[in-house]
Amino acid sequence: MQATQGELKPFLMFYLECINASLMKVLKELQRYDRIKHVKELLGKGHARTMFEIIARMEDGDHFHRQIFDDMLSASASSIAKSLSKLKELNVIKSGESRGEYVISILD
């Protein structure tokens, strides 16, 4: 309304804040993409990489339970535990509040 009366500064500030928010969102997605690509290269092949590819489809901050891997993969419990430990070492997941719960933290 102020812009129609000749006061453009509030509108320009709003417009620039919107552009900044959009650019920050794009930057975060690019950083996440680069991090995912780097982690995949470090993991090579195997259960940890398969698990990471599933995890990478989730959002940072999302919670999951290791049971999804027990149900999806034809791997031993020790192999899944070892892969989860490797993903924790790479800081792409963190332990959750309950046993067997994890939190996605690819960029955190």
PDB file of N, CA and C in Angstrom:
ATOM      1  N   MET A   1       0.819  -1.185   0.000  1.00  0.00           N
ATOM      2  CA  MET A   1       0.000   0.000   0.000  1.00  0.00           C
ATOM      3  C   MET A   1       0.866   1.253   0.000  1.00  0.00           C
ATOM      4  N   GLN A   2       1.952   1.200   0.769  1.00  0.00           N
ATOM      5  CA  GLN A   2       2.849   2.351   0.800  1.00  0.00           C
ATOM      6  C   GLN A   2       3.506   2.575  -0.558  1.00  0.00           C
ATOM      7  N   ALA A   3       3.761   1.469  -1.285  1.00  0.00           N
ATOM      8  CA  ALA A   3       4.402   1.591  -2.594  1.00  0.00           C
ATOM      9  C   ALA A   3       3.504   2.345  -3.560  1.00  0.00           C
ATOM     10  N   THR A   4       2.196   2.172  -3.466  1.00  0.00           N
ATOM     11  CA  THR A   4       1.279   2.892  -4.364  1.00  0.00           C
ATOM     12  C   THR A   4       1.256   4.381  -4.043  1.00  0.00           C
ATOM     13  N   GLN A   5       1.729   4.729  -2.853  1.00  0.00           N
ATOM     14  CA  GLN A   5       1.779   6.140  -2.459  1.00  0.00           C
ATOM     15  C   GLN A   5       3.169   6.721  -2.653  1.00  0.00           C
ATOM     16  N   GLY A   6       4.045   5.977  -3.318  1.00  0.00           N
ATOM     17  CA  GLY A   6       5.371   6.476  -3.644  1.00  0.00           C
ATOM     18  C   GLY A   6       6.477   6.022  -2.709  1.00  0.00           C
ATOM     19  N   GLU A   7       6.161   5.325  -1.636  1.00  0.00           N
ATOM     20  CA  GLU A   7       7.162   4.846  -0.691  1.00  0.00           C
ATOM     21  C   GLU A   7       7.537   3.415  -1.062  1.00  0.00           C
ATOM     22  N   LEU A   8       8.602   3.273  -1.849  1.00  0.00           N
ATOM     23  CA  LEU A   8       8.991   1.973  -2.381  1.00  0.00           C
ATOM     24  C   LEU A   8       9.885   1.150  -1.450  1.00  0.00           C
ATOM     25  N   LYS A   9      10.505   1.771  -0.478  1.00  0.00           N
ATOM     26  CA  LYS A   9      11.465   1.066   0.361  1.00  0.00           C
ATOM     27  C   LYS A   9      10.874  -0.176   1.048  1.00  0.00           C
ATOM     28  N   PRO A  10       9.701  -0.121   1.695  1.00  0.00           N
ATOM     29  CA  PRO A  10       9.166  -1.338   2.325  1.00  0.00           C
ATOM     30  C   PRO A  10       8.928  -2.468   1.321  1.00  0.00           C
ATOM     31  N   PHE A  11       8.431  -2.133   0.144  1.00  0.00           N
ATOM     32  CA  PHE A  11       8.203  -3.156  -0.866  1.00  0.00           C
ATOM     33  C   PHE A  11       9.516  -3.754  -1.341  1.00  0.00           C
ATOM     34  N   LEU A  12      10.510  -2.914  -1.588  1.00  0.00           N
ATOM     35  CA  LEU A  12      11.815  -3.401  -2.046  1.00  0.00           C
ATOM     36  C   LEU A  12      12.480  -4.281  -0.985  1.00  0.00           C
ATOM     37  N   MET A  13      12.356  -3.894   0.280  1.00  0.00           N
ATOM     38  CA  MET A  13      12.925  -4.713   1.350  1.00  0.00           C
ATOM     39  C   MET A  13      12.231  -6.077   1.400  1.00  0.00           C
ATOM     40  N   PHE A  14      10.919  -6.094   1.279  1.00  0.00           N
ATOM     41  CA  PHE A  14      10.168  -7.348   1.263  1.00  0.00           C
ATOM     42  C   PHE A  14      10.593  -8.208   0.080  1.00  0.00           C
ATOM     43  N   TYR A  15      10.692  -7.599  -1.080  1.00  0.00           N
ATOM     44  CA  TYR A  15      11.067  -8.302  -2.306  1.00  0.00           C
ATOM     45  C   TYR A  15      12.465  -8.909  -2.171  1.00  0.00           C
ATOM     46  N   LEU A  16      13.410  -8.132  -1.652  1.00  0.00           N
ATOM     47  CA  LEU A  16      14.777  -8.623  -1.477  1.00  0.00           C
ATOM     48  C   LEU A  16      14.852  -9.744  -0.437  1.00  0.00           C
ATOM     49  N   GLU A  17      14.040  -9.658   0.610  1.00  0.00           N
ATOM     50  CA  GLU A  17      14.000 -10.731   1.604  1.00  0.00           C
ATOM     51  C   GLU A  17      13.479 -12.026   0.981  1.00  0.00           C
ATOM     52  N   CYS A  18      12.501 -11.922   0.100  1.00  0.00           N
ATOM     53  CA  CYS A  18      11.976 -13.098  -0.595  1.00  0.00           C
ATOM     54  C   CYS A  18      13.034 -13.711  -1.500  1.00  0.00           C
ATOM     55  N   ILE A  19      13.756 -12.873  -2.224  1.00  0.00           N
ATOM     56  CA  ILE A  19      14.830 -13.364  -3.095  1.00  0.00           C
ATOM     57  C   ILE A  19      15.915 -14.040  -2.259  1.00  0.00           C
ATOM     58  N   ASN A  20      16.290 -13.409  -1.149  1.00  0.00           N
ATOM     59  CA  ASN A  20      17.313 -13.978  -0.271  1.00  0.00           C
ATOM     60  C   ASN A  20      16.870 -15.341   0.267  1.00  0.00           C
ATOM     61  N   ALA A  21      15.629 -15.457   0.700  1.00  0.00           N
ATOM     62  CA  ALA A  21      15.123 -16.736   1.216  1.00  0.00           C
ATOM     63  C   ALA A  21      15.167 -17.814   0.136  1.00  0.00           C
ATOM     64  N   SER A  22      14.806 -17.457  -1.081  1.00  0.00           N
ATOM     65  CA  SER A  22      14.834 -18.420  -2.182  1.00  0.00           C
ATOM     66  C   SER A  22      16.259 -18.852  -2.499  1.00  0.00           C
ATOM     67  N   LEU A  23      17.173 -17.917  -2.526  1.00  0.00           N
ATOM     68  CA  LEU A  23      18.570 -18.244  -2.819  1.00  0.00           C
ATOM     69  C   LEU A  23      19.184 -19.094  -1.709  1.00  0.00           C
ATOM     70  N   MET A  24      18.832 -18.815  -0.464  1.00  0.00           N
ATOM     71  CA  MET A  24      19.344 -19.621   0.645  1.00  0.00           C
ATOM     72  C   MET A  24      18.823 -21.060   0.565  1.00  0.00           C
ATOM     73  N   LYS A  25      17.584 -21.211   0.146  1.00  0.00           N
ATOM     74  CA  LYS A  25      17.016 -22.548  -0.011  1.00  0.00           C
ATOM     75  C   LYS A  25      17.748 -23.310  -1.109  1.00  0.00           C
ATOM     76  N   VAL A  26      18.014 -22.658  -2.227  1.00  0.00           N
ATOM     77  CA  VAL A  26      18.744 -23.290  -3.335  1.00  0.00           C
ATOM     78  C   VAL A  26      20.165 -23.647  -2.884  1.00  0.00           C
ATOM     79  N   LEU A  27      20.824 -22.738  -2.181  1.00  0.00           N
ATOM     80  CA  LEU A  27      22.179 -22.992  -1.695  1.00  0.00           C
ATOM     81  C   LEU A  27      22.208 -24.211  -0.772  1.00  0.00           C
ATOM     82  N   LYS A  28      21.245 -24.313   0.134  1.00  0.00           N
ATOM     83  CA  LYS A  28      21.191 -25.446   1.040  1.00  0.00           C
ATOM     84  C   LYS A  28      20.989 -26.744   0.270  1.00  0.00           C
ATOM     85  N   GLU A  29      20.137 -26.743  -0.728  1.00  0.00           N
ATOM     86  CA  GLU A  29      19.915 -27.949  -1.532  1.00  0.00           C
ATOM     87  C   GLU A  29      21.180 -28.346  -2.292  1.00  0.00           C
ATOM     88  N   LEU A  30      21.905 -27.369  -2.814  1.00  0.00           N
ATOM     89  CA  LEU A  30      23.162 -27.666  -3.518  1.00  0.00           C
ATOM     90  C   LEU A  30      24.199 -28.241  -2.558  1.00  0.00           C
ATOM     91  N   GLN A  31      24.289 -27.682  -1.363  1.00  0.00           N
ATOM     92  CA  GLN A  31      25.226 -28.194  -0.367  1.00  0.00           C
ATOM     93  C   GLN A  31      24.855 -29.624   0.022  1.00  0.00           C
ATOM     94  N   ARG A  32      23.573 -29.876   0.171  1.00  0.00           N
ATOM     95  CA  ARG A  32      23.116 -31.220   0.531  1.00  0.00           C
ATOM     96  C   ARG A  32      23.436 -32.201  -0.595  1.00  0.00           C
ATOM     97  N   TYR A  33      23.212 -31.787  -1.837  1.00  0.00           N
ATOM     98  CA  TYR A  33      23.520 -32.635  -2.994  1.00  0.00           C
ATOM     99  C   TYR A  33      25.011 -32.975  -3.021  1.00  0.00           C
ATOM    100  N   ASP A  34      25.862 -31.967  -2.814  1.00  0.00           N
ATOM    101  CA  ASP A  34      27.310 -32.201  -2.804  1.00  0.00           C
ATOM    102  C   ASP A  34      27.710 -33.147  -1.678  1.00  0.00           C
ATOM    103  N   ARG A  35      27.113 -32.975  -0.515  1.00  0.00           N
ATOM    104  CA  ARG A  35      27.426 -33.838   0.633  1.00  0.00           C
ATOM    105  C   ARG A  35      27.002 -35.279   0.346  1.00  0.00           C
ATOM    106  N   ILE A  36      25.821 -35.450  -0.234  1.00  0.00           N
ATOM    107  CA  ILE A  36      25.338 -36.790  -0.574  1.00  0.00           C
ATOM    108  C   ILE A  36      26.276 -37.458  -1.569  1.00  0.00           C
ATOM    109  N   LYS A  37      26.678 -36.711  -2.581  1.00  0.00           N
ATOM    110  CA  LYS A  37      27.591 -37.249  -3.599  1.00  0.00           C
ATOM    111  C   LYS A  37      28.921 -37.673  -2.956  1.00  0.00           C
ATOM    112  N   HIS A  38      29.445 -36.842  -2.086  1.00  0.00           N
ATOM    113  CA  HIS A  38      30.716 -37.135  -1.420  1.00  0.00           C
ATOM    114  C   HIS A  38      30.606 -38.383  -0.539  1.00  0.00           C
ATOM    115  N   VAL A  39      29.543 -38.491   0.237  1.00  0.00           N
ATOM    116  CA  VAL A  39      29.364 -39.645   1.124  1.00  0.00           C
ATOM    117  C   VAL A  39      29.210 -40.922   0.305  1.00  0.00           C
ATOM    118  N   LYS A  40      28.478 -40.858  -0.806  1.00  0.00           N
ATOM    119  CA  LYS A  40      28.328 -42.044  -1.656  1.00  0.00           C
ATOM    120  C   LYS A  40      29.679 -42.523  -2.161  1.00  0.00           C
ATOM    121  N   GLU A  41      30.544 -41.590  -2.531  1.00  0.00           N
ATOM    122  CA  GLU A  41      31.877 -41.962  -2.992  1.00  0.00           C
ATOM    123  C   GLU A  41      32.679 -42.621  -1.872  1.00  0.00           C
ATOM    124  N   LEU A  42      32.549 -42.123  -0.657  1.00  0.00           N
ATOM    125  CA  LEU A  42      33.271 -42.697   0.479  1.00  0.00           C
ATOM    126  C   LEU A  42      32.777 -44.098   0.817  1.00  0.00           C
ATOM    127  N   LEU A  43      31.486 -44.331   0.649  1.00  0.00           N
ATOM    128  CA  LEU A  43      30.900 -45.613   1.039  1.00  0.00           C
ATOM    129  C   LEU A  43      31.157 -46.728   0.042  1.00  0.00           C
ATOM    130  N   GLY A  44      31.379 -46.375  -1.206  1.00  0.00           N
ATOM    131  CA  GLY A  44      31.579 -47.411  -2.211  1.00  0.00           C
ATOM    132  C   GLY A  44      30.323 -48.231  -2.397  1.00  0.00           C
ATOM    133  N   LYS A  45      30.474 -49.554  -2.406  1.00  0.00           N
ATOM    134  CA  LYS A  45      29.318 -50.448  -2.570  1.00  0.00           C
ATOM    135  C   LYS A  45      29.057 -51.164  -1.258  1.00  0.00           C
ATOM    136  N   GLY A  46      27.880 -51.697  -1.122  1.00  0.00           N
ATOM    137  CA  GLY A  46      27.555 -52.483   0.064  1.00  0.00           C
ATOM    138  C   GLY A  46      26.316 -51.967   0.767  1.00  0.00           C
ATOM    139  N   HIS A  47      26.052 -52.579   1.927  1.00  0.00           N
ATOM    140  CA  HIS A  47      24.840 -52.262   2.674  1.00  0.00           C
ATOM    141  C   HIS A  47      24.817 -50.818   3.156  1.00  0.00           C
ATOM    142  N   ALA A  48      25.960 -50.290   3.586  1.00  0.00           N
ATOM    143  CA  ALA A  48      25.988 -48.910   4.092  1.00  0.00           C
ATOM    144  C   ALA A  48      25.571 -47.925   3.002  1.00  0.00           C
ATOM    145  N   ARG A  49      26.023 -48.164   1.786  1.00  0.00           N
ATOM    146  CA  ARG A  49      25.644 -47.269   0.692  1.00  0.00           C
ATOM    147  C   ARG A  49      24.155 -47.408   0.383  1.00  0.00           C
ATOM    148  N   THR A  50      23.650 -48.623   0.356  1.00  0.00           N
ATOM    149  CA  THR A  50      22.224 -48.835   0.119  1.00  0.00           C
ATOM    150  C   THR A  50      21.403 -48.132   1.192  1.00  0.00           C
ATOM    151  N   MET A  51      21.826 -48.273   2.436  1.00  0.00           N
ATOM    152  CA  MET A  51      21.130 -47.624   3.533  1.00  0.00           C
ATOM    153  C   MET A  51      21.199 -46.113   3.388  1.00  0.00           C
ATOM    154  N   PHE A  52      22.354 -45.598   2.998  1.00  0.00           N
ATOM    155  CA  PHE A  52      22.498 -44.154   2.830  1.00  0.00           C
ATOM    156  C   PHE A  52      21.610 -43.634   1.705  1.00  0.00           C
ATOM    157  N   GLU A  53      21.497 -44.378   0.627  1.00  0.00           N
ATOM    158  CA  GLU A  53      20.643 -43.940  -0.478  1.00  0.00           C
ATOM    159  C   GLU A  53      19.185 -43.828  -0.035  1.00  0.00           C
ATOM    160  N   ILE A  54      18.757 -44.696   0.850  1.00  0.00           N
ATOM    161  CA  ILE A  54      17.404 -44.591   1.410  1.00  0.00           C
ATOM    162  C   ILE A  54      17.310 -43.372   2.319  1.00  0.00           C
ATOM    163  N   ILE A  55      18.301 -43.208   3.178  1.00  0.00           N
ATOM    164  CA  ILE A  55      18.329 -42.090   4.120  1.00  0.00           C
ATOM    165  C   ILE A  55      18.367 -40.750   3.383  1.00  0.00           C
ATOM    166  N   ALA A  56      19.123 -40.673   2.298  1.00  0.00           N
ATOM    167  CA  ALA A  56      19.302 -39.416   1.566  1.00  0.00           C
ATOM    168  C   ALA A  56      17.991 -38.900   0.986  1.00  0.00           C
ATOM    169  N   ARG A  57      16.994 -39.761   0.845  1.00  0.00           N
ATOM    170  CA  ARG A  57      15.688 -39.330   0.342  1.00  0.00           C
ATOM    171  C   ARG A  57      14.847 -38.656   1.419  1.00  0.00           C
ATOM    172  N   MET A  58      15.281 -38.780   2.660  1.00  0.00           N
ATOM    173  CA  MET A  58      14.573 -38.178   3.786  1.00  0.00           C
ATOM    174  C   MET A  58      15.126 -36.777   4.031  1.00  0.00           C
ATOM    175  N   GLU A  59      14.391 -36.006   4.785  1.00  0.00           N
ATOM    176  CA  GLU A  59      14.810 -34.640   5.131  1.00  0.00           C
ATOM    177  C   GLU A  59      15.676 -34.656   6.390  1.00  0.00           C
ATOM    178  N   ASP A  60      16.589 -33.706   6.481  1.00  0.00           N
ATOM    179  CA  ASP A  60      17.371 -33.566   7.698  1.00  0.00           C
ATOM    180  C   ASP A  60      16.421 -33.309   8.859  1.00  0.00           C
ATOM    181  N   GLY A  61      16.671 -33.975   9.958  1.00  0.00           N
ATOM    182  CA  GLY A  61      15.814 -33.842  11.130  1.00  0.00           C
ATOM    183  C   GLY A  61      14.757 -34.936  11.228  1.00  0.00           C
ATOM    184  N   ASP A  62      14.519 -35.670  10.117  1.00  0.00           N
ATOM    185  CA  ASP A  62      13.561 -36.768  10.154  1.00  0.00           C
ATOM    186  C   ASP A  62      14.108 -37.901  11.008  1.00  0.00           C
ATOM    187  N   HIS A  63      13.207 -38.616  11.655  1.00  0.00           N
ATOM    188  CA  HIS A  63      13.568 -39.757  12.484  1.00  0.00           C
ATOM    189  C   HIS A  63      13.231 -41.048  11.744  1.00  0.00           C
ATOM    190  N   PHE A  64      14.032 -42.070  11.986  1.00  0.00           N
ATOM    191  CA  PHE A  64      13.727 -43.397  11.459  1.00  0.00           C
ATOM    192  C   PHE A  64      14.219 -44.432  12.454  1.00  0.00           C
ATOM    193  N   HIS A  65      13.729 -45.640  12.305  1.00  0.00           N
ATOM    194  CA  HIS A  65      14.121 -46.735  13.186  1.00  0.00           C
ATOM    195  C   HIS A  65      14.889 -47.770  12.359  1.00  0.00           C
ATOM    196  N   ARG A  66      15.879 -48.356  12.948  1.00  0.00           N
ATOM    197  CA  ARG A  66      16.705 -49.325  12.223  1.00  0.00           C
ATOM    198  C   ARG A  66      15.894 -50.499  11.689  1.00  0.00           C
ATOM    199  N   GLN A  67      14.697 -50.707  12.217  1.00  0.00           N
ATOM    200  CA  GLN A  67      13.830 -51.802  11.787  1.00  0.00           C
ATOM    201  C   GLN A  67      13.546 -51.728  10.287  1.00  0.00           C
ATOM    202  N   ILE A  68      13.527 -50.509   9.717  1.00  0.00           N
ATOM    203  CA  ILE A  68      13.264 -50.419   8.270  1.00  0.00           C
ATOM    204  C   ILE A  68      14.336 -51.154   7.482  1.00  0.00           C
ATOM    205  N   PHE A  69      15.566 -51.131   7.969  1.00  0.00           N
ATOM    206  CA  PHE A  69      16.646 -51.831   7.270  1.00  0.00           C
ATOM    207  C   PHE A  69      16.594 -53.334   7.543  1.00  0.00           C
ATOM    208  N   ASP A  70      16.202 -53.695   8.758  1.00  0.00           N
ATOM    209  CA  ASP A  70      16.032 -55.115   9.072  1.00  0.00           C
ATOM    210  C   ASP A  70      14.985 -55.725   8.141  1.00  0.00           C
ATOM    211  N   ASP A  71      13.930 -54.958   7.865  1.00  0.00           N
ATOM    212  CA  ASP A  71      12.843 -55.447   7.019  1.00  0.00           C
ATOM    213  C   ASP A  71      13.183 -55.412   5.526  1.00  0.00           C
ATOM    214  N   MET A  72      13.973 -54.420   5.107  1.00  0.00           N
ATOM    215  CA  MET A  72      14.235 -54.214   3.681  1.00  0.00           C
ATOM    216  C   MET A  72      15.433 -54.984   3.139  1.00  0.00           C
ATOM    217  N   LEU A  73      16.459 -55.114   3.952  1.00  0.00           N
ATOM    218  CA  LEU A  73      17.714 -55.697   3.471  1.00  0.00           C
ATOM    219  C   LEU A  73      17.861 -57.146   3.889  1.00  0.00           C
ATOM    220  N   SER A  74      18.466 -57.897   3.029  1.00  0.00           N
ATOM    221  CA  SER A  74      18.785 -59.282   3.401  1.00  0.00           C
ATOM    222  C   SER A  74      20.209 -59.278   3.966  1.00  0.00           C
ATOM    223  N   ALA A  75      20.320 -58.697   5.148  1.00  0.00           N
ATOM    224  CA  ALA A  75      21.616 -58.582   5.812  1.00  0.00           C
ATOM    225  C   ALA A  75      21.448 -58.975   7.272  1.00  0.00           C
ATOM    226  N   SER A  76      22.540 -59.391   7.870  1.00  0.00           N
ATOM    227  CA  SER A  76      22.498 -59.784   9.280  1.00  0.00           C
ATOM    228  C   SER A  76      22.351 -58.532  10.154  1.00  0.00           C
ATOM    229  N   ALA A  77      21.907 -58.753  11.366  1.00  0.00           N
ATOM    230  CA  ALA A  77      21.753 -57.651  12.322  1.00  0.00           C
ATOM    231  C   ALA A  77      23.097 -56.976  12.590  1.00  0.00           C
ATOM    232  N   SER A  78      24.162 -57.768  12.648  1.00  0.00           N
ATOM    233  CA  SER A  78      25.491 -57.188  12.904  1.00  0.00           C
ATOM    234  C   SER A  78      25.968 -56.352  11.716  1.00  0.00           C
ATOM    235  N   SER A  79      25.641 -56.780  10.509  1.00  0.00           N
ATOM    236  CA  SER A  79      26.008 -56.021   9.316  1.00  0.00           C
ATOM    237  C   SER A  79      25.270 -54.681   9.276  1.00  0.00           C
ATOM    238  N   ILE A  80      24.007 -54.705   9.635  1.00  0.00           N
ATOM    239  CA  ILE A  80      23.226 -53.462   9.665  1.00  0.00           C
ATOM    240  C   ILE A  80      23.763 -52.537  10.756  1.00  0.00           C
ATOM    241  N   ALA A  81      24.082 -53.087  11.918  1.00  0.00           N
ATOM    242  CA  ALA A  81      24.643 -52.291  13.014  1.00  0.00           C
ATOM    243  C   ALA A  81      25.972 -51.666  12.602  1.00  0.00           C
ATOM    244  N   LYS A  82      26.789 -52.438  11.920  1.00  0.00           N
ATOM    245  CA  LYS A  82      28.097 -51.943  11.454  1.00  0.00           C
ATOM    246  C   LYS A  82      27.909 -50.809  10.434  1.00  0.00           C
ATOM    247  N   SER A  83      26.950 -50.977   9.539  1.00  0.00           N
ATOM    248  CA  SER A  83      26.678 -49.941   8.536  1.00  0.00           C
ATOM    249  C   SER A  83      26.135 -48.680   9.188  1.00  0.00           C
ATOM    250  N   LEU A  84      25.266 -48.840  10.183  1.00  0.00           N
ATOM    251  CA  LEU A  84      24.747 -47.679  10.905  1.00  0.00           C
ATOM    252  C   LEU A  84      25.870 -46.949  11.638  1.00  0.00           C
ATOM    253  N   SER A  85      26.802 -47.704  12.199  1.00  0.00           N
ATOM    254  CA  SER A  85      27.959 -47.090  12.873  1.00  0.00           C
ATOM    255  C   SER A  85      28.799 -46.287  11.887  1.00  0.00           C
ATOM    256  N   LYS A  86      28.974 -46.837  10.700  1.00  0.00           N
ATOM    257  CA  LYS A  86      29.748 -46.127   9.673  1.00  0.00           C
ATOM    258  C   LYS A  86      29.046 -44.829   9.276  1.00  0.00           C
ATOM    259  N   LEU A  87      27.709 -44.881   9.140  1.00  0.00           N
ATOM    260  CA  LEU A  87      26.958 -43.673   8.799  1.00  0.00           C
ATOM    261  C   LEU A  87      27.019 -42.644   9.925  1.00  0.00           C
ATOM    262  N   LYS A  88      27.073 -43.114  11.160  1.00  0.00           N
ATOM    263  CA  LYS A  88      27.235 -42.199  12.297  1.00  0.00           C
ATOM    264  C   LYS A  88      28.618 -41.560  12.272  1.00  0.00           C
ATOM    265  N   GLU A  89      29.637 -42.338  11.949  1.00  0.00           N
ATOM    266  CA  GLU A  89      31.006 -41.808  11.855  1.00  0.00           C
ATOM    267  C   GLU A  89      31.102 -40.718  10.795  1.00  0.00           C
ATOM    268  N   LEU A  90      30.339 -40.878   9.715  1.00  0.00           N
ATOM    269  CA  LEU A  90      30.345 -39.892   8.634  1.00  0.00           C
ATOM    270  C   LEU A  90      29.423 -38.708   8.931  1.00  0.00           C
ATOM    271  N   ASN A  91      28.801 -38.728  10.107  1.00  0.00           N
ATOM    272  CA  ASN A  91      27.917 -37.647  10.555  1.00  0.00           C
ATOM    273  C   ASN A  91      26.723 -37.404   9.651  1.00  0.00           C
ATOM    274  N   VAL A  92      26.164 -38.471   9.095  1.00  0.00           N
ATOM    275  CA  VAL A  92      24.945 -38.312   8.300  1.00  0.00           C
ATOM    276  C   VAL A  92      23.713 -38.758   9.082  1.00  0.00           C
ATOM    277  N   ILE A  93      23.954 -39.448  10.207  1.00  0.00           N
ATOM    278  CA  ILE A  93      22.871 -39.778  11.128  1.00  0.00           C
ATOM    279  C   ILE A  93      23.387 -39.589  12.549  1.00  0.00           C
ATOM    280  N   LYS A  94      22.443 -39.376  13.457  1.00  0.00           N
ATOM    281  CA  LYS A  94      22.749 -39.291  14.884  1.00  0.00           C
ATOM    282  C   LYS A  94      21.807 -40.235  15.606  1.00  0.00           C
ATOM    283  N   SER A  95      22.208 -40.655  16.784  1.00  0.00           N
ATOM    284  CA  SER A  95      21.331 -41.495  17.597  1.00  0.00           C
ATOM    285  C   SER A  95      20.122 -40.690  18.036  1.00  0.00           C
ATOM    286  N   GLY A  96      18.978 -41.355  18.026  1.00  0.00           N
ATOM    287  CA  GLY A  96      17.746 -40.722  18.485  1.00  0.00           C
ATOM    288  C   GLY A  96      17.575 -40.910  19.977  1.00  0.00           C
ATOM    289  N   GLU A  97      16.385 -40.616  20.447  1.00  0.00           N
ATOM    290  CA  GLU A  97      16.110 -40.690  21.877  1.00  0.00           C
ATOM    291  C   GLU A  97      15.896 -42.112  22.367  1.00  0.00           C
ATOM    292  N   SER A  98      15.343 -42.967  21.532  1.00  0.00           N
ATOM    293  CA  SER A  98      15.092 -44.340  21.966  1.00  0.00           C
ATOM    294  C   SER A  98      16.049 -45.300  21.252  1.00  0.00           C
ATOM    295  N   ARG A  99      16.126 -46.496  21.776  1.00  0.00           N
ATOM    296  CA  ARG A  99      17.025 -47.513  21.223  1.00  0.00           C
ATOM    297  C   ARG A  99      16.611 -47.844  19.788  1.00  0.00           C
ATOM    298  N   GLY A 100      17.578 -47.826  18.881  1.00  0.00           N
ATOM    299  CA  GLY A 100      17.321 -48.152  17.484  1.00  0.00           C
ATOM    300  C   GLY A 100      16.760 -47.010  16.672  1.00  0.00           C
ATOM    301  N   GLU A 101      16.607 -45.841  17.288  1.00  0.00           N
ATOM    302  CA  GLU A 101      16.098 -44.664  16.579  1.00  0.00           C
ATOM    303  C   GLU A 101      17.268 -43.777  16.152  1.00  0.00           C
ATOM    304  N   TYR A 102      17.141 -43.208  14.962  1.00  0.00           N
ATOM    305  CA  TYR A 102      18.181 -42.339  14.426  1.00  0.00           C
ATOM    306  C   TYR A 102      17.553 -41.101  13.828  1.00  0.00           C
ATOM    307  N   VAL A 103      18.370 -40.045  13.697  1.00  0.00           N
ATOM    308  CA  VAL A 103      17.934 -38.783  13.130  1.00  0.00           C
ATOM    309  C   VAL A 103      18.826 -38.455  11.947  1.00  0.00           C
ATOM    310  N   ILE A 104      18.217 -38.057  10.842  1.00  0.00           N
ATOM    311  CA  ILE A 104      18.973 -37.666   9.646  1.00  0.00           C
ATOM    312  C   ILE A 104      19.668 -36.331   9.927  1.00  0.00           C
ATOM    313  N   SER A 105      20.959 -36.263   9.614  1.00  0.00           N
ATOM    314  CA  SER A 105      21.714 -35.022   9.840  1.00  0.00           C
ATOM    315  C   SER A 105      22.775 -34.831   8.757  1.00  0.00           C
ATOM    316  N   ILE A 106      22.369 -34.916   7.517  1.00  0.00           N
ATOM    317  CA  ILE A 106      23.321 -34.840   6.410  1.00  0.00           C
ATOM    318  C   ILE A 106      24.039 -33.492   6.398  1.00  0.00           C
ATOM    319  N   LEU A 107      23.337 -32.414   6.678  1.00  0.00           N
ATOM    320  CA  LEU A 107      23.975 -31.095   6.681  1.00  0.00           C
ATOM    321  C   LEU A 107      24.150 -30.521   8.073  1.00  0.00           C
ATOM    322  N   ASP A 108      23.606 -31.133   9.088  1.00  0.00           N
ATOM    323  CA  ASP A 108      23.711 -30.582  10.451  1.00  0.00           C
ATOM    324  C   ASP A 108      25.080 -30.787  11.026  1.00  0.00           C
TER     325      ASP A 108
END
